[in-house]
Amino acid sequence: MPYSARFDRSTNTFMSGAEMVDTLAREAEVAVHQIVEPGKRADTLRLIRLDRNLLEVFAARGRAMTAYTARKAALGL
């Protein structure tokens, strides 16, 4: 099962498609802001919602960047 098919234990339900896309888009914002030049960020954030594979790539990259930043801060680097 892909990472984005999230199960909510409190309600015993899966997220809807729109909720998954919104969550992935929020996770992808970190990567988009680091990778894409400033003039094209808004368009990229809007357009990656149309391509699920690209959205997954940016979301995975965003999660990795967030984890790296948090770990770096925890170590005081």
PDB file of N, CA and C in Angstrom:
ATOM      1  N   MET A   1       0.851  -1.179   0.000  1.00  0.00           N
ATOM      2  CA  MET A   1       0.000   0.000   0.000  1.00  0.00           C
ATOM      3  C   MET A   1       0.894   1.238   0.000  1.00  0.00           C
ATOM      4  N   PRO A   2       0.627   2.208  -0.852  1.00  0.00           N
ATOM      5  CA  PRO A   2       1.472   3.407  -0.894  1.00  0.00           C
ATOM      6  C   PRO A   2       1.410   4.188   0.399  1.00  0.00           C
ATOM      7  N   TYR A   3       2.445   4.961   0.632  1.00  0.00           N
ATOM      8  CA  TYR A   3       2.552   5.744   1.872  1.00  0.00           C
ATOM      9  C   TYR A   3       1.391   6.705   2.027  1.00  0.00           C
ATOM     10  N   SER A   4       0.876   7.212   0.928  1.00  0.00           N
ATOM     11  CA  SER A   4      -0.159   8.240   1.003  1.00  0.00           C
ATOM     12  C   SER A   4      -1.540   7.698   1.370  1.00  0.00           C
ATOM     13  N   ALA A   5      -1.755   6.376   1.306  1.00  0.00           N
ATOM     14  CA  ALA A   5      -3.052   5.809   1.682  1.00  0.00           C
ATOM     15  C   ALA A   5      -3.072   5.649   3.195  1.00  0.00           C
ATOM     16  N   ARG A   6      -3.393   6.719   3.891  1.00  0.00           N
ATOM     17  CA  ARG A   6      -3.272   6.744   5.343  1.00  0.00           C
ATOM     18  C   ARG A   6      -4.560   6.307   6.012  1.00  0.00           C
ATOM     19  N   PHE A   7      -4.398   5.487   7.028  1.00  0.00           N
ATOM     20  CA  PHE A   7      -5.520   4.979   7.810  1.00  0.00           C
ATOM     21  C   PHE A   7      -5.592   5.739   9.121  1.00  0.00           C
ATOM     22  N   ASP A   8      -6.766   6.223   9.456  1.00  0.00           N
ATOM     23  CA  ASP A   8      -6.975   6.957  10.701  1.00  0.00           C
ATOM     24  C   ASP A   8      -7.558   5.992  11.730  1.00  0.00           C
ATOM     25  N   ARG A   9      -6.771   5.630  12.718  1.00  0.00           N
ATOM     26  CA  ARG A   9      -7.214   4.656  13.716  1.00  0.00           C
ATOM     27  C   ARG A   9      -8.359   5.174  14.590  1.00  0.00           C
ATOM     28  N   SER A  10      -8.413   6.476  14.790  1.00  0.00           N
ATOM     29  CA  SER A  10      -9.460   7.019  15.662  1.00  0.00           C
ATOM     30  C   SER A  10     -10.854   6.878  15.048  1.00  0.00           C
ATOM     31  N   THR A  11     -10.933   6.943  13.722  1.00  0.00           N
ATOM     32  CA  THR A  11     -12.238   6.829  13.059  1.00  0.00           C
ATOM     33  C   THR A  11     -12.392   5.541  12.254  1.00  0.00           C
ATOM     34  N   ASN A  12     -11.328   4.749  12.168  1.00  0.00           N
ATOM     35  CA  ASN A  12     -11.314   3.507  11.383  1.00  0.00           C
ATOM     36  C   ASN A  12     -11.669   3.749   9.920  1.00  0.00           C
ATOM     37  N   THR A  13     -11.135   4.813   9.354  1.00  0.00           N
ATOM     38  CA  THR A  13     -11.387   5.138   7.952  1.00  0.00           C
ATOM     39  C   THR A  13     -10.084   5.531   7.266  1.00  0.00           C
ATOM     40  N   PHE A  14     -10.112   5.457   5.951  1.00  0.00           N
ATOM     41  CA  PHE A  14      -9.014   5.957   5.146  1.00  0.00           C
ATOM     42  C   PHE A  14      -9.320   7.383   4.732  1.00  0.00           C
ATOM     43  N   MET A  15      -8.286   8.144   4.439  1.00  0.00           N
ATOM     44  CA  MET A  15      -8.474   9.510   3.967  1.00  0.00           C
ATOM     45  C   MET A  15      -9.099   9.470   2.574  1.00  0.00           C
ATOM     46  N   SER A  16      -9.885  10.488   2.248  1.00  0.00           N
ATOM     47  CA  SER A  16     -10.444  10.579   0.896  1.00  0.00           C
ATOM     48  C   SER A  16      -9.341  11.009  -0.068  1.00  0.00           C
ATOM     49  N   GLY A  17      -9.617  10.911  -1.344  1.00  0.00           N
ATOM     50  CA  GLY A  17      -8.626  11.293  -2.350  1.00  0.00           C
ATOM     51  C   GLY A  17      -8.215  12.747  -2.240  1.00  0.00           C
ATOM     52  N   ALA A  18      -9.192  13.623  -2.020  1.00  0.00           N
ATOM     53  CA  ALA A  18      -8.886  15.053  -1.910  1.00  0.00           C
ATOM     54  C   ALA A  18      -8.048  15.332  -0.662  1.00  0.00           C
ATOM     55  N   GLU A  19      -8.343  14.633   0.436  1.00  0.00           N
ATOM     56  CA  GLU A  19      -7.560  14.825   1.662  1.00  0.00           C
ATOM     57  C   GLU A  19      -6.127  14.354   1.465  1.00  0.00           C
ATOM     58  N   MET A  20      -5.952  13.252   0.730  1.00  0.00           N
ATOM     59  CA  MET A  20      -4.599  12.759   0.451  1.00  0.00           C
ATOM     60  C   MET A  20      -3.818  13.756  -0.382  1.00  0.00           C
ATOM     61  N   VAL A  21      -4.458  14.293  -1.408  1.00  0.00           N
ATOM     62  CA  VAL A  21      -3.779  15.258  -2.280  1.00  0.00           C
ATOM     63  C   VAL A  21      -3.411  16.504  -1.484  1.00  0.00           C
ATOM     64  N   ASP A  22      -4.302  16.980  -0.631  1.00  0.00           N
ATOM     65  CA  ASP A  22      -4.004  18.156   0.192  1.00  0.00           C
ATOM     66  C   ASP A  22      -2.834  17.895   1.134  1.00  0.00           C
ATOM     67  N   THR A  23      -2.814  16.719   1.750  1.00  0.00           N
ATOM     68  CA  THR A  23      -1.722  16.367   2.662  1.00  0.00           C
ATOM     69  C   THR A  23      -0.400  16.265   1.915  1.00  0.00           C
ATOM     70  N   LEU A  24      -0.425  15.606   0.764  1.00  0.00           N
ATOM     71  CA  LEU A  24       0.798  15.487  -0.034  1.00  0.00           C
ATOM     72  C   LEU A  24       1.268  16.860  -0.517  1.00  0.00           C
ATOM     73  N   ALA A  25       0.352  17.720  -0.880  1.00  0.00           N
ATOM     74  CA  ALA A  25       0.727  19.063  -1.339  1.00  0.00           C
ATOM     75  C   ALA A  25       1.383  19.854  -0.213  1.00  0.00           C
ATOM     76  N   ARG A  26       0.859  19.722   1.013  1.00  0.00           N
ATOM     77  CA  ARG A  26       1.482  20.407   2.162  1.00  0.00           C
ATOM     78  C   ARG A  26       2.891  19.870   2.408  1.00  0.00           C
ATOM     79  N   GLU A  27       3.055  18.550   2.283  1.00  0.00           N
ATOM     80  CA  GLU A  27       4.384  17.958   2.479  1.00  0.00           C
ATOM     81  C   GLU A  27       5.328  18.361   1.363  1.00  0.00           C
ATOM     82  N   ALA A  28       4.804  18.564   0.164  1.00  0.00           N
ATOM     83  CA  ALA A  28       5.635  18.912  -0.989  1.00  0.00           C
ATOM     84  C   ALA A  28       6.082  20.372  -0.972  1.00  0.00           C
ATOM     85  N   GLU A  29       5.384  21.225  -0.234  1.00  0.00           N
ATOM     86  CA  GLU A  29       5.722  22.651  -0.228  1.00  0.00           C
ATOM     87  C   GLU A  29       7.167  22.903   0.170  1.00  0.00           C
ATOM     88  N   VAL A  30       7.670  22.159   1.132  1.00  0.00           N
ATOM     89  CA  VAL A  30       9.053  22.338   1.594  1.00  0.00           C
ATOM     90  C   VAL A  30      10.019  22.126   0.438  1.00  0.00           C
ATOM     91  N   ALA A  31       9.829  21.036  -0.299  1.00  0.00           N
ATOM     92  CA  ALA A  31      10.724  20.730  -1.414  1.00  0.00           C
ATOM     93  C   ALA A  31      10.572  21.747  -2.542  1.00  0.00           C
ATOM     94  N   VAL A  32       9.346  22.139  -2.829  1.00  0.00           N
ATOM     95  CA  VAL A  32       9.120  23.111  -3.903  1.00  0.00           C
ATOM     96  C   VAL A  32       9.818  24.426  -3.578  1.00  0.00           C
ATOM     97  N   HIS A  33       9.736  24.874  -2.339  1.00  0.00           N
ATOM     98  CA  HIS A  33      10.374  26.137  -1.963  1.00  0.00           C
ATOM     99  C   HIS A  33      11.898  26.044  -2.016  1.00  0.00           C
ATOM    100  N   GLN A  34      12.454  24.849  -1.861  1.00  0.00           N
ATOM    101  CA  GLN A  34      13.906  24.689  -1.927  1.00  0.00           C
ATOM    102  C   GLN A  34      14.408  24.471  -3.356  1.00  0.00           C
ATOM    103  N   ILE A  35      13.599  23.839  -4.198  1.00  0.00           N
ATOM    104  CA  ILE A  35      14.063  23.423  -5.518  1.00  0.00           C
ATOM    105  C   ILE A  35      13.681  24.395  -6.628  1.00  0.00           C
ATOM    106  N   VAL A  36      12.453  24.880  -6.603  1.00  0.00           N
ATOM    107  CA  VAL A  36      11.918  25.689  -7.699  1.00  0.00           C
ATOM    108  C   VAL A  36      12.250  27.160  -7.472  1.00  0.00           C
ATOM    109  N   GLU A  37      12.580  27.844  -8.544  1.00  0.00           N
ATOM    110  CA  GLU A  37      12.908  29.270  -8.424  1.00  0.00           C
ATOM    111  C   GLU A  37      11.675  30.070  -8.009  1.00  0.00           C
ATOM    112  N   PRO A  38      11.870  31.178  -7.301  1.00  0.00           N
ATOM    113  CA  PRO A  38      10.757  31.921  -6.689  1.00  0.00           C
ATOM    114  C   PRO A  38       9.623  32.312  -7.630  1.00  0.00           C
ATOM    115  N   GLY A  39       9.897  32.665  -8.843  1.00  0.00           N
ATOM    116  CA  GLY A  39       8.859  33.099  -9.767  1.00  0.00           C
ATOM    117  C   GLY A  39       7.910  31.995 -10.208  1.00  0.00           C
ATOM    118  N   LYS A  40       8.339  30.749 -10.081  1.00  0.00           N
ATOM    119  CA  LYS A  40       7.544  29.626 -10.565  1.00  0.00           C
ATOM    120  C   LYS A  40       6.942  28.774  -9.447  1.00  0.00           C
ATOM    121  N   ARG A  41       7.147  29.159  -8.199  1.00  0.00           N
ATOM    122  CA  ARG A  41       6.682  28.337  -7.074  1.00  0.00           C
ATOM    123  C   ARG A  41       5.170  28.189  -7.031  1.00  0.00           C
ATOM    124  N   ALA A  42       4.444  29.275  -7.179  1.00  0.00           N
ATOM    125  CA  ALA A  42       2.980  29.211  -7.098  1.00  0.00           C
ATOM    126  C   ALA A  42       2.413  28.323  -8.199  1.00  0.00           C
ATOM    127  N   ASP A  43       2.941  28.478  -9.414  1.00  0.00           N
ATOM    128  CA  ASP A  43       2.480  27.633 -10.516  1.00  0.00           C
ATOM    129  C   ASP A  43       2.817  26.171 -10.275  1.00  0.00           C
ATOM    130  N   THR A  44       4.008  25.913  -9.768  1.00  0.00           N
ATOM    131  CA  THR A  44       4.415  24.531  -9.507  1.00  0.00           C
ATOM    132  C   THR A  44       3.534  23.899  -8.444  1.00  0.00           C
ATOM    133  N   LEU A  45       3.267  24.621  -7.362  1.00  0.00           N
ATOM    134  CA  LEU A  45       2.402  24.083  -6.304  1.00  0.00           C
ATOM    135  C   LEU A  45       1.002  23.787  -6.824  1.00  0.00           C
ATOM    136  N   ARG A  46       0.536  24.594  -7.750  1.00  0.00           N
ATOM    137  CA  ARG A  46      -0.787  24.380  -8.327  1.00  0.00           C
ATOM    138  C   ARG A  46      -0.774  23.200  -9.299  1.00  0.00           C
ATOM    139  N   LEU A  47       0.275  23.088 -10.096  1.00  0.00           N
ATOM    140  CA  LEU A  47       0.330  22.073 -11.144  1.00  0.00           C
ATOM    141  C   LEU A  47       0.702  20.685 -10.638  1.00  0.00           C
ATOM    142  N   ILE A  48       1.455  20.570  -9.544  1.00  0.00           N
ATOM    143  CA  ILE A  48       1.836  19.227  -9.090  1.00  0.00           C
ATOM    144  C   ILE A  48       0.635  18.442  -8.590  1.00  0.00           C
ATOM    145  N   ARG A  49      -0.449  19.124  -8.277  1.00  0.00           N
ATOM    146  CA  ARG A  49      -1.675  18.419  -7.872  1.00  0.00           C
ATOM    147  C   ARG A  49      -2.252  17.595  -9.022  1.00  0.00           C
ATOM    148  N   LEU A  50      -1.922  17.936 -10.256  1.00  0.00           N
ATOM    149  CA  LEU A  50      -2.459  17.252 -11.430  1.00  0.00           C
ATOM    150  C   LEU A  50      -1.696  15.983 -11.771  1.00  0.00           C
ATOM    151  N   ASP A  51      -0.472  15.857 -11.311  1.00  0.00           N
ATOM    152  CA  ASP A  51       0.356  14.685 -11.607  1.00  0.00           C
ATOM    153  C   ASP A  51       0.686  13.977 -10.306  1.00  0.00           C
ATOM    154  N   ARG A  52       0.039  12.855 -10.050  1.00  0.00           N
ATOM    155  CA  ARG A  52       0.190  12.158  -8.767  1.00  0.00           C
ATOM    156  C   ARG A  52       1.626  11.683  -8.541  1.00  0.00           C
ATOM    157  N   ASN A  53       2.280  11.206  -9.596  1.00  0.00           N
ATOM    158  CA  ASN A  53       3.660  10.729  -9.433  1.00  0.00           C
ATOM    159  C   ASN A  53       4.596  11.861  -9.032  1.00  0.00           C
ATOM    160  N   LEU A  54       4.458  12.991  -9.697  1.00  0.00           N
ATOM    161  CA  LEU A  54       5.296  14.142  -9.355  1.00  0.00           C
ATOM    162  C   LEU A  54       4.981  14.648  -7.955  1.00  0.00           C
ATOM    163  N   LEU A  55       3.719  14.633  -7.590  1.00  0.00           N
ATOM    164  CA  LEU A  55       3.313  15.048  -6.245  1.00  0.00           C
ATOM    165  C   LEU A  55       3.940  14.140  -5.194  1.00  0.00           C
ATOM    166  N   GLU A  56       3.937  12.832  -5.450  1.00  0.00           N
ATOM    167  CA  GLU A  56       4.551  11.871  -4.523  1.00  0.00           C
ATOM    168  C   GLU A  56       6.058  12.113  -4.398  1.00  0.00           C
ATOM    169  N   VAL A  57       6.715  12.418  -5.510  1.00  0.00           N
ATOM    170  CA  VAL A  57       8.160  12.668  -5.488  1.00  0.00           C
ATOM    171  C   VAL A  57       8.471  13.911  -4.653  1.00  0.00           C
ATOM    172  N   PHE A  58       7.747  14.993  -4.908  1.00  0.00           N
ATOM    173  CA  PHE A  58       7.977  16.213  -4.149  1.00  0.00           C
ATOM    174  C   PHE A  58       7.625  16.026  -2.671  1.00  0.00           C
ATOM    175  N   ALA A  59       6.561  15.275  -2.373  1.00  0.00           N
ATOM    176  CA  ALA A  59       6.176  15.035  -0.978  1.00  0.00           C
ATOM    177  C   ALA A  59       7.246  14.219  -0.253  1.00  0.00           C
ATOM    178  N   ALA A  60       7.766  13.189  -0.908  1.00  0.00           N
ATOM    179  CA  ALA A  60       8.823  12.381  -0.295  1.00  0.00           C
ATOM    180  C   ALA A  60      10.068  13.232  -0.054  1.00  0.00           C
ATOM    181  N   ARG A  61      10.399  14.057  -1.017  1.00  0.00           N
ATOM    182  CA  ARG A  61      11.554  14.945  -0.868  1.00  0.00           C
ATOM    183  C   ARG A  61      11.331  15.946   0.266  1.00  0.00           C
ATOM    184  N   GLY A  62      10.110  16.470   0.354  1.00  0.00           N
ATOM    185  CA  GLY A  62       9.773  17.416   1.422  1.00  0.00           C
ATOM    186  C   GLY A  62       9.852  16.773   2.798  1.00  0.00           C
ATOM    187  N   ARG A  63       9.361  15.516   2.923  1.00  0.00           N
ATOM    188  CA  ARG A  63       9.460  14.809   4.201  1.00  0.00           C
ATOM    189  C   ARG A  63      10.912  14.569   4.579  1.00  0.00           C
ATOM    190  N   ALA A  64      11.732  14.214   3.596  1.00  0.00           N
ATOM    191  CA  ALA A  64      13.151  13.974   3.864  1.00  0.00           C
ATOM    192  C   ALA A  64      13.845  15.264   4.306  1.00  0.00           C
ATOM    193  N   MET A  65      13.522  16.371   3.654  1.00  0.00           N
ATOM    194  CA  MET A  65      14.130  17.656   4.026  1.00  0.00           C
ATOM    195  C   MET A  65      13.707  18.076   5.428  1.00  0.00           C
ATOM    196  N   THR A  66      12.444  17.846   5.759  1.00  0.00           N
ATOM    197  CA  THR A  66      11.944  18.191   7.093  1.00  0.00           C
ATOM    198  C   THR A  66      12.626  17.351   8.157  1.00  0.00           C
ATOM    199  N   ALA A  67      12.765  16.054   7.902  1.00  0.00           N
ATOM    200  CA  ALA A  67      13.416  15.158   8.861  1.00  0.00           C
ATOM    201  C   ALA A  67      14.891  15.532   9.029  1.00  0.00           C
ATOM    202  N   TYR A  68      15.551  15.855   7.928  1.00  0.00           N
ATOM    203  CA  TYR A  68      16.959  16.240   7.977  1.00  0.00           C
ATOM    204  C   TYR A  68      17.146  17.516   8.794  1.00  0.00           C
ATOM    205  N   THR A  69      16.287  18.506   8.553  1.00  0.00           N
ATOM    206  CA  THR A  69      16.375  19.772   9.282  1.00  0.00           C
ATOM    207  C   THR A  69      16.125  19.563  10.775  1.00  0.00           C
ATOM    208  N   ALA A  70      15.132  18.731  11.108  1.00  0.00           N
ATOM    209  CA  ALA A  70      14.821  18.462  12.519  1.00  0.00           C
ATOM    210  C   ALA A  70      15.978  17.732  13.194  1.00  0.00           C
ATOM    211  N   ARG A  71      16.563  16.770  12.524  1.00  0.00           N
ATOM    212  CA  ARG A  71      17.680  16.020  13.101  1.00  0.00           C
ATOM    213  C   ARG A  71      18.904  16.910  13.263  1.00  0.00           C
ATOM    214  N   LYS A  72      19.144  17.749  12.291  1.00  0.00           N
ATOM    215  CA  LYS A  72      20.274  18.671  12.358  1.00  0.00           C
ATOM    216  C   LYS A  72      20.111  19.633  13.538  1.00  0.00           C
ATOM    217  N   ALA A  73      18.879  20.115  13.758  1.00  0.00           N
ATOM    218  CA  ALA A  73      18.604  21.015  14.883  1.00  0.00           C
ATOM    219  C   ALA A  73      18.740  20.278  16.210  1.00  0.00           C
ATOM    220  N   ALA A  74      18.322  19.018  16.251  1.00  0.00           N
ATOM    221  CA  ALA A  74      18.425  18.230  17.490  1.00  0.00           C
ATOM    222  C   ALA A  74      19.883  18.005  17.873  1.00  0.00           C
ATOM    223  N   LEU A  75      20.741  17.881  16.882  1.00  0.00           N
ATOM    224  CA  LEU A  75      22.162  17.675  17.143  1.00  0.00           C
ATOM    225  C   LEU A  75      22.917  18.992  17.368  1.00  0.00           C
ATOM    226  N   GLY A  76      22.218  20.096  17.136  1.00  0.00           N
ATOM    227  CA  GLY A  76      22.853  21.402  17.334  1.00  0.00           C
ATOM    228  C   GLY A  76      23.821  21.791  16.235  1.00  0.00           C
ATOM    229  N   LEU A  77      23.594  21.305  15.066  1.00  0.00           N
ATOM    230  CA  LEU A  77      24.500  21.614  13.932  1.00  0.00           C
ATOM    231  C   LEU A  77      24.007  22.780  13.128  1.00  0.00           C
TER     232      LEU A  77
END
